[in-house]
Amino acid sequence: MKEILFIEPVLKERIWGGTRLKEYGYDLPSDQTGECWAISAHPHGDCVIRNGTYSGCTLSSLWNNHRELFGLTGGSEFPLLIKIIDAKNDLSVQVHPDDAYAAEHENGASGKTECWYVLDCKEDAAIVIGHNAKTKEEAERLIREGRFRELIREIPVHKGDFFQIEPGVLHSIKGGTVILETQQNSDITYRVYDYDRLQNGKKRELHTEQSIAVLKCPFRPTVGKPVTYRVGAATVKHLITCPYYSVEHITLSGTALMPAGKVFQNLSVIGGEGAIDGTKIRKGDHFIVPAEYGAFELSGALEIIRSSPCELMVK
C-alpha cells in the first residue's frame, strides 16, 4: 500500500524577502525569508519526508531508490520544484534559459519554465512580464545602456491571477506579492537588472551576456484558457498544460473523491483546512500522492494547487 508523502519545506532567506510565510505556519529563519521550497529534490534545497515508512528520507533519495512511487522510469532528477515566494520588495528583473542553452552552458542542467499563481498582493501591485523592444538589437542596446525603464513591461496583478513564464521571457515579481510557483527542477537565473541595490556593501552580480543570449524578441505573452469542472464538492480550474507540467487550482467545500493518475501529483494547501483520506491537512501543508495510489478523498474547506509532470519530464 503506497502512502501519501508529506513534505518538510526548506526556507530560504533573500534580500527581498519578508515575514508573510509565517501565515503558512512556518518558523522563519529571519525577517528576510523570501522562499519556501515546498516540494523540492534540488541539491540547493532537498526536502525531507516527515511521515510514514520514508520519514527522514530526502525526496531525492526516494527518486533515486524508489522510482515506483513516481510512475516515471526516465529522467535523472525529480522533474518539478514547487515554491511559495514572499516578495516584500522587488525581485531582480531576470530571464531563464531553455533546456538547450542550459545543457550547453550550464553543465548539462535543465532550463527553467515556470508559472505563477498569485496567492495575495497589495492593492496596487504590479509584476514585470515581457519587454517593449521590437528586435533583439533594440533589447541589447537598452540593456547595455541601462535604459531599463524603457525596456521592461509592467502589468497590474490581482489575487488569483495566473501567469506562464517561458524561457527567454523577461520577468520579475514586485514587492507586496506572494505567489506559488511551479517550475522545472532548475535553479538557473540570469539577472538583467537589480535596481543598483547593495548586498553586504556590493551590487549583486548581473548576467548581461547570458541574458541577451537567451532573451526572446519580440515578447509574445502565453495566453491560456482555463477550463473549470466539478468533482464532487470540488471545483477544479485547469490552469495550464505545457510540455513540463500540468497545474490546477482546486476549491473544496465538502467532500470529493479525486482520481489518482499513473504519475505522481504534487498538492499544496494554500487555504483552509480539512483532510486527505482522514489525515488532517491545513494551509501550508505540501504532499505528494504517489503514482497508482488510487482515488483519494479530500474533505473540508480547502484551497489547493495541484501539479503533475508532463511528457518532456519523463524522458
Protein backbone atom coordinates (compact mmCIF):
# COMPACT_ATOMS: atom_id res chain seq x y z
CA MET A 1 0.00 0.00 0.00
CA LYS A 2 1.54 3.30 -1.08
CA GLU A 3 1.47 6.19 1.38
CA ILE A 4 0.90 9.88 0.81
CA LEU A 5 4.25 11.63 1.27
CA PHE A 6 4.11 14.75 3.44
CA ILE A 7 6.99 17.13 2.78
CA GLU A 8 9.03 19.29 5.16
CA PRO A 9 9.74 22.56 3.30
CA VAL A 10 13.12 24.27 3.05
CA LEU A 11 13.05 28.02 3.81
CA LYS A 12 15.39 30.47 2.09
CA GLU A 13 16.47 33.96 3.15
CA ARG A 14 16.52 36.52 0.35
CA ILE A 15 17.46 40.21 0.18
CA TRP A 16 13.91 41.00 -0.96
CA GLY A 17 12.10 38.62 1.44
CA GLY A 18 9.80 39.37 4.35
CA THR A 19 7.73 37.62 7.01
CA ARG A 20 4.50 36.64 5.26
CA LEU A 21 5.45 32.97 5.05
CA LYS A 22 4.53 32.88 8.75
CA GLU A 23 0.93 32.91 7.51
CA TYR A 24 1.53 29.37 6.21
CA GLY A 25 2.63 28.08 9.61
CA TYR A 26 6.38 28.12 9.03
CA ASP A 27 9.09 29.07 11.53
CA LEU A 28 11.15 31.65 9.65
CA PRO A 29 14.94 31.88 9.89
CA SER A 30 14.78 35.70 9.69
CA ASP A 31 12.64 38.69 8.73
CA GLN A 32 14.04 38.42 5.20
CA THR A 33 12.62 34.99 4.36
CA GLY A 34 11.73 35.04 0.69
CA GLU A 35 11.20 31.46 -0.42
CA CYS A 36 9.64 28.25 0.79
CA TRP A 37 10.93 25.37 -1.32
CA ALA A 38 7.82 23.35 -0.63
CA ILE A 39 8.38 20.25 -2.78
CA SER A 40 11.98 20.02 -3.94
CA ALA A 41 14.66 17.43 -4.61
CA HIS A 42 17.15 20.02 -5.88
CA PRO A 43 20.65 19.96 -4.33
CA HIS A 44 20.19 23.58 -3.21
CA GLY A 45 17.14 22.57 -1.16
CA ASP A 46 16.35 18.87 -0.81
CA CYS A 47 13.14 18.39 1.17
CA VAL A 48 12.67 15.63 3.76
CA ILE A 49 9.68 13.30 4.11
CA ARG A 50 8.08 13.80 7.53
CA ASN A 51 5.77 10.80 7.87
CA GLY A 52 5.38 7.07 7.48
CA THR A 53 7.72 4.48 6.01
CA TYR A 54 10.08 7.03 4.46
CA SER A 55 10.17 9.50 7.35
CA GLY A 56 13.53 11.29 7.39
CA CYS A 57 14.40 10.39 3.80
CA THR A 58 15.15 13.14 1.31
CA LEU A 59 12.94 13.47 -1.74
CA SER A 60 15.97 12.98 -4.00
CA SER A 61 16.77 9.66 -2.30
CA LEU A 62 13.24 8.44 -2.91
CA TRP A 63 13.50 9.49 -6.55
CA ASN A 64 16.79 7.60 -6.92
CA ASN A 65 15.84 4.47 -4.98
CA HIS A 66 12.05 4.14 -5.12
CA ARG A 67 11.09 5.25 -8.60
CA GLU A 68 7.95 3.12 -8.36
CA LEU A 69 6.44 5.86 -6.18
CA PHE A 70 6.51 8.32 -9.05
CA GLY A 71 5.38 6.33 -12.07
CA LEU A 72 8.30 7.55 -14.17
CA THR A 73 11.16 5.45 -15.49
CA GLY A 74 13.07 8.19 -17.32
CA GLY A 75 14.84 11.26 -16.01
CA SER A 76 17.92 11.54 -13.85
CA GLU A 77 16.34 14.03 -11.43
CA PHE A 78 12.98 14.74 -9.83
CA PRO A 79 11.26 16.81 -12.51
CA LEU A 80 9.48 19.65 -10.69
CA LEU A 81 10.08 22.22 -7.97
CA ILE A 82 7.25 23.92 -6.06
CA LYS A 83 7.87 27.19 -4.19
CA ILE A 84 5.97 29.83 -2.26
CA ILE A 85 7.61 33.23 -2.74
CA ASP A 86 7.10 36.25 -0.47
CA ALA A 87 8.34 39.35 -2.27
CA LYS A 88 8.34 42.10 0.36
CA ASN A 89 10.49 44.05 -2.08
CA ASP A 90 11.10 43.75 -5.83
CA LEU A 91 12.98 40.73 -7.14
CA SER A 92 15.61 41.39 -9.79
CA VAL A 93 14.46 41.65 -13.39
CA GLN A 94 15.59 38.30 -14.79
CA VAL A 95 15.32 35.73 -17.52
CA HIS A 96 15.79 31.94 -17.68
CA PRO A 97 17.42 29.74 -20.32
CA ASP A 98 15.72 26.90 -22.16
CA ASP A 99 16.89 23.29 -21.99
CA ALA A 100 19.21 23.55 -24.98
CA TYR A 101 21.07 26.65 -23.73
CA ALA A 102 21.33 25.32 -20.17
CA ALA A 103 22.62 21.95 -21.35
CA GLU A 104 25.37 23.64 -23.35
CA HIS A 105 26.32 26.47 -20.99
CA GLU A 106 25.32 25.25 -17.50
CA ASN A 107 26.98 21.83 -17.26
CA GLY A 108 24.07 19.88 -18.67
CA ALA A 109 21.46 21.40 -16.34
CA SER A 110 17.79 21.76 -17.22
CA GLY A 111 16.35 25.04 -18.40
CA LYS A 112 13.58 26.76 -16.48
CA THR A 113 9.96 27.05 -17.50
CA GLU A 114 7.78 28.24 -14.63
CA CYS A 115 4.32 29.52 -13.77
CA TRP A 116 2.90 31.75 -11.04
CA TYR A 117 -0.36 31.61 -9.12
CA VAL A 118 -0.86 34.86 -7.18
CA LEU A 119 -1.77 33.96 -3.60
CA ASP A 120 -2.01 37.55 -2.39
CA CYS A 121 -0.83 41.04 -3.29
CA LYS A 122 -1.19 44.64 -2.23
CA GLU A 123 -3.93 46.74 -3.79
CA ASP A 124 -1.78 48.44 -6.44
CA ALA A 125 0.58 45.52 -7.10
CA ALA A 126 2.32 45.00 -10.45
CA ILE A 127 4.66 42.46 -11.97
CA VAL A 128 7.13 42.51 -14.82
CA ILE A 129 6.38 40.14 -17.69
CA GLY A 130 8.00 40.80 -21.04
CA HIS A 131 9.61 43.86 -22.59
CA ASN A 132 8.91 46.61 -25.10
CA ALA A 133 11.77 46.05 -27.56
CA LYS A 134 10.74 45.19 -31.11
CA THR A 135 14.04 43.46 -32.01
CA LYS A 136 16.94 41.70 -30.31
CA GLU A 137 19.21 44.58 -31.34
CA GLU A 138 16.95 47.12 -29.65
CA ALA A 139 16.74 44.99 -26.49
CA GLU A 140 20.52 44.62 -26.36
CA ARG A 141 21.03 48.36 -26.79
CA LEU A 142 18.60 49.21 -23.99
CA ILE A 143 20.22 46.67 -21.66
CA ARG A 144 23.78 47.81 -22.33
CA GLU A 145 22.79 51.47 -21.96
CA GLY A 146 20.95 50.76 -18.70
CA ARG A 147 17.62 52.05 -20.04
CA PHE A 148 15.60 49.50 -18.13
CA ARG A 149 12.53 51.66 -17.54
CA GLU A 150 12.08 51.86 -21.30
CA LEU A 151 12.71 48.14 -21.70
CA ILE A 152 10.58 46.41 -19.10
CA ARG A 153 6.83 45.79 -19.38
CA GLU A 154 4.86 46.10 -16.14
CA ILE A 155 1.27 44.98 -15.73
CA PRO A 156 -1.15 45.13 -12.78
CA VAL A 157 -1.71 41.94 -10.82
CA HIS A 158 -4.50 40.68 -8.58
CA LYS A 159 -5.05 37.79 -6.18
CA GLY A 160 -5.92 34.64 -8.14
CA ASP A 161 -4.12 35.68 -11.34
CA PHE A 162 -2.08 33.05 -13.16
CA PHE A 163 0.92 33.52 -15.47
CA GLN A 164 3.02 31.12 -17.53
CA ILE A 165 6.67 32.25 -17.82
CA GLU A 166 8.51 30.66 -20.73
CA PRO A 167 12.31 30.61 -21.04
CA GLY A 168 13.58 33.81 -22.62
CA VAL A 169 10.78 35.95 -21.11
CA LEU A 170 11.90 38.92 -19.01
CA HIS A 171 10.11 38.86 -15.65
CA SER A 172 10.11 40.00 -12.04
CA ILE A 173 7.86 39.60 -9.01
CA LYS A 174 7.48 43.04 -7.49
CA GLY A 175 7.09 43.99 -3.85
CA GLY A 176 3.89 43.23 -1.98
CA THR A 177 3.18 39.99 -3.84
CA VAL A 178 3.03 36.36 -2.64
CA ILE A 179 2.93 33.63 -5.27
CA LEU A 180 3.04 29.87 -5.61
CA GLU A 181 5.48 28.90 -8.34
CA THR A 182 5.53 25.60 -10.22
CA GLN A 183 8.70 25.13 -12.26
CA GLN A 184 11.20 22.78 -13.79
CA ASN A 185 13.73 21.47 -11.29
CA SER A 186 16.29 24.18 -12.03
CA ASP A 187 17.97 26.97 -10.07
CA ILE A 188 19.39 28.90 -13.04
CA THR A 189 18.52 32.60 -13.14
CA TYR A 190 20.16 35.34 -15.21
CA ARG A 191 19.83 38.79 -13.62
CA VAL A 192 19.30 41.58 -16.11
CA TYR A 193 18.70 44.46 -13.66
CA ASP A 194 18.79 44.69 -9.85
CA TYR A 195 17.91 48.34 -9.14
CA ASP A 196 21.56 49.04 -8.20
CA ARG A 197 20.87 47.81 -4.66
CA LEU A 198 23.62 46.58 -2.40
CA GLN A 199 24.08 43.29 -0.56
CA ASN A 200 26.90 43.26 2.00
CA GLY A 201 28.05 46.58 0.56
CA LYS A 202 28.29 45.35 -3.03
CA LYS A 203 26.00 45.25 -6.03
CA ARG A 204 24.80 41.75 -6.86
CA GLU A 205 26.19 40.11 -9.97
CA LEU A 206 24.39 40.70 -13.26
CA HIS A 207 24.41 38.22 -16.13
CA THR A 208 24.28 40.59 -19.07
CA GLU A 209 25.77 38.39 -21.78
CA GLN A 210 23.73 35.32 -20.87
CA SER A 211 20.56 37.41 -20.58
CA ILE A 212 20.99 38.92 -24.02
CA ALA A 213 21.76 35.50 -25.48
CA VAL A 214 18.54 33.87 -24.23
CA LEU A 215 16.11 36.83 -24.37
CA LYS A 216 13.23 36.28 -26.81
CA CYS A 217 12.33 39.19 -29.08
CA PRO A 218 9.74 40.44 -29.61
CA PHE A 219 7.86 39.45 -26.48
CA ARG A 220 4.71 37.39 -27.04
CA PRO A 221 2.64 36.53 -23.95
CA THR A 222 1.46 32.99 -23.32
CA VAL A 223 -2.32 33.16 -23.29
CA GLY A 224 -4.20 30.26 -21.78
CA LYS A 225 -7.87 29.41 -21.48
CA PRO A 226 -8.60 27.89 -18.05
CA VAL A 227 -11.20 25.14 -18.03
CA THR A 228 -13.33 24.55 -14.92
CA TYR A 229 -15.02 21.28 -13.96
CA ARG A 230 -16.57 19.67 -10.88
CA VAL A 231 -15.51 16.61 -8.88
CA GLY A 232 -17.94 16.04 -6.03
CA ALA A 233 -17.92 19.17 -3.89
CA ALA A 234 -14.70 20.39 -5.54
CA THR A 235 -14.40 22.99 -8.26
CA VAL A 236 -11.27 22.31 -10.30
CA LYS A 237 -9.83 25.00 -12.57
CA HIS A 238 -7.29 23.63 -15.04
CA LEU A 239 -4.75 26.46 -15.41
CA ILE A 240 -2.10 25.14 -17.81
CA THR A 241 -0.70 22.10 -19.51
CA CYS A 242 2.69 22.62 -21.13
CA PRO A 243 5.43 20.14 -22.08
CA TYR A 244 6.74 20.18 -18.49
CA TYR A 245 3.78 20.28 -16.12
CA SER A 246 0.05 20.43 -15.68
CA VAL A 247 -1.33 22.74 -12.97
CA GLU A 248 -4.81 23.02 -11.43
CA HIS A 249 -6.49 25.10 -8.75
CA ILE A 250 -8.92 23.21 -6.50
CA THR A 251 -11.57 24.79 -4.27
CA LEU A 252 -13.43 22.44 -1.94
CA SER A 253 -16.31 22.84 0.47
CA GLY A 254 -17.44 19.38 1.44
CA THR A 255 -16.09 16.07 0.14
CA ALA A 256 -14.62 14.96 -3.17
CA LEU A 257 -13.17 11.66 -4.34
CA MET A 258 -10.24 12.65 -6.55
CA PRO A 259 -8.78 10.24 -9.11
CA ALA A 260 -5.07 9.47 -8.90
CA GLY A 261 -3.04 9.12 -12.06
CA LYS A 262 -0.31 6.93 -13.48
CA VAL A 263 2.25 9.52 -12.34
CA PHE A 264 2.59 11.31 -9.01
CA GLN A 265 0.75 14.50 -8.05
CA ASN A 266 2.05 17.45 -6.00
CA LEU A 267 -0.55 19.11 -3.77
CA SER A 268 -0.07 22.37 -1.86
CA VAL A 269 -2.73 23.61 0.55
CA ILE A 270 -2.92 27.38 0.06
CA GLY A 271 -6.01 27.99 2.17
CA GLY A 272 -8.34 26.44 4.75
CA GLU A 273 -8.19 23.10 6.49
CA GLY A 274 -9.60 19.62 6.09
CA ALA A 275 -8.32 16.11 5.48
CA ILE A 276 -6.96 13.76 2.84
CA ASP A 277 -8.03 10.16 3.40
CA GLY A 278 -8.68 11.05 7.03
CA THR A 279 -5.31 12.72 7.71
CA LYS A 280 -5.71 16.35 8.74
CA ILE A 281 -4.28 18.99 6.41
CA ARG A 282 -4.21 22.78 6.58
CA LYS A 283 -2.83 25.85 4.87
CA GLY A 284 0.93 25.46 4.38
CA ASP A 285 0.94 21.67 4.02
CA HIS A 286 2.53 20.11 0.94
CA PHE A 287 2.38 16.46 -0.04
CA ILE A 288 2.81 14.02 -2.90
CA VAL A 289 0.18 11.49 -3.89
CA PRO A 290 2.22 8.58 -5.36
CA ALA A 291 1.61 7.08 -8.76
CA GLU A 292 -1.12 4.40 -8.86
CA TYR A 293 -2.19 5.34 -5.32
CA GLY A 294 -5.82 5.09 -6.29
CA ALA A 295 -8.62 7.57 -5.69
CA PHE A 296 -8.20 9.74 -2.61
CA GLU A 297 -10.77 11.63 -0.58
CA LEU A 298 -10.44 15.33 0.13
CA SER A 299 -12.77 16.81 2.73
CA GLY A 300 -13.22 20.13 4.47
CA ALA A 301 -12.93 23.74 3.32
CA LEU A 302 -9.76 23.77 1.25
CA GLU A 303 -7.93 25.63 -1.48
CA ILE A 304 -5.20 23.61 -3.20
CA ILE A 305 -2.78 23.91 -6.10
CA ARG A 306 -2.16 20.54 -7.76
CA SER A 307 0.54 19.74 -10.34
CA SER A 308 1.97 16.76 -12.15
CA PRO A 309 4.75 16.28 -14.71
CA CYS A 310 4.17 16.08 -18.47
CA GLU A 311 5.85 14.31 -21.36
CA LEU A 312 9.18 16.18 -21.55
CA MET A 313 9.82 15.48 -17.88
CA VAL A 314 9.75 11.70 -18.25
CA LYS A 315 12.38 11.25 -20.99
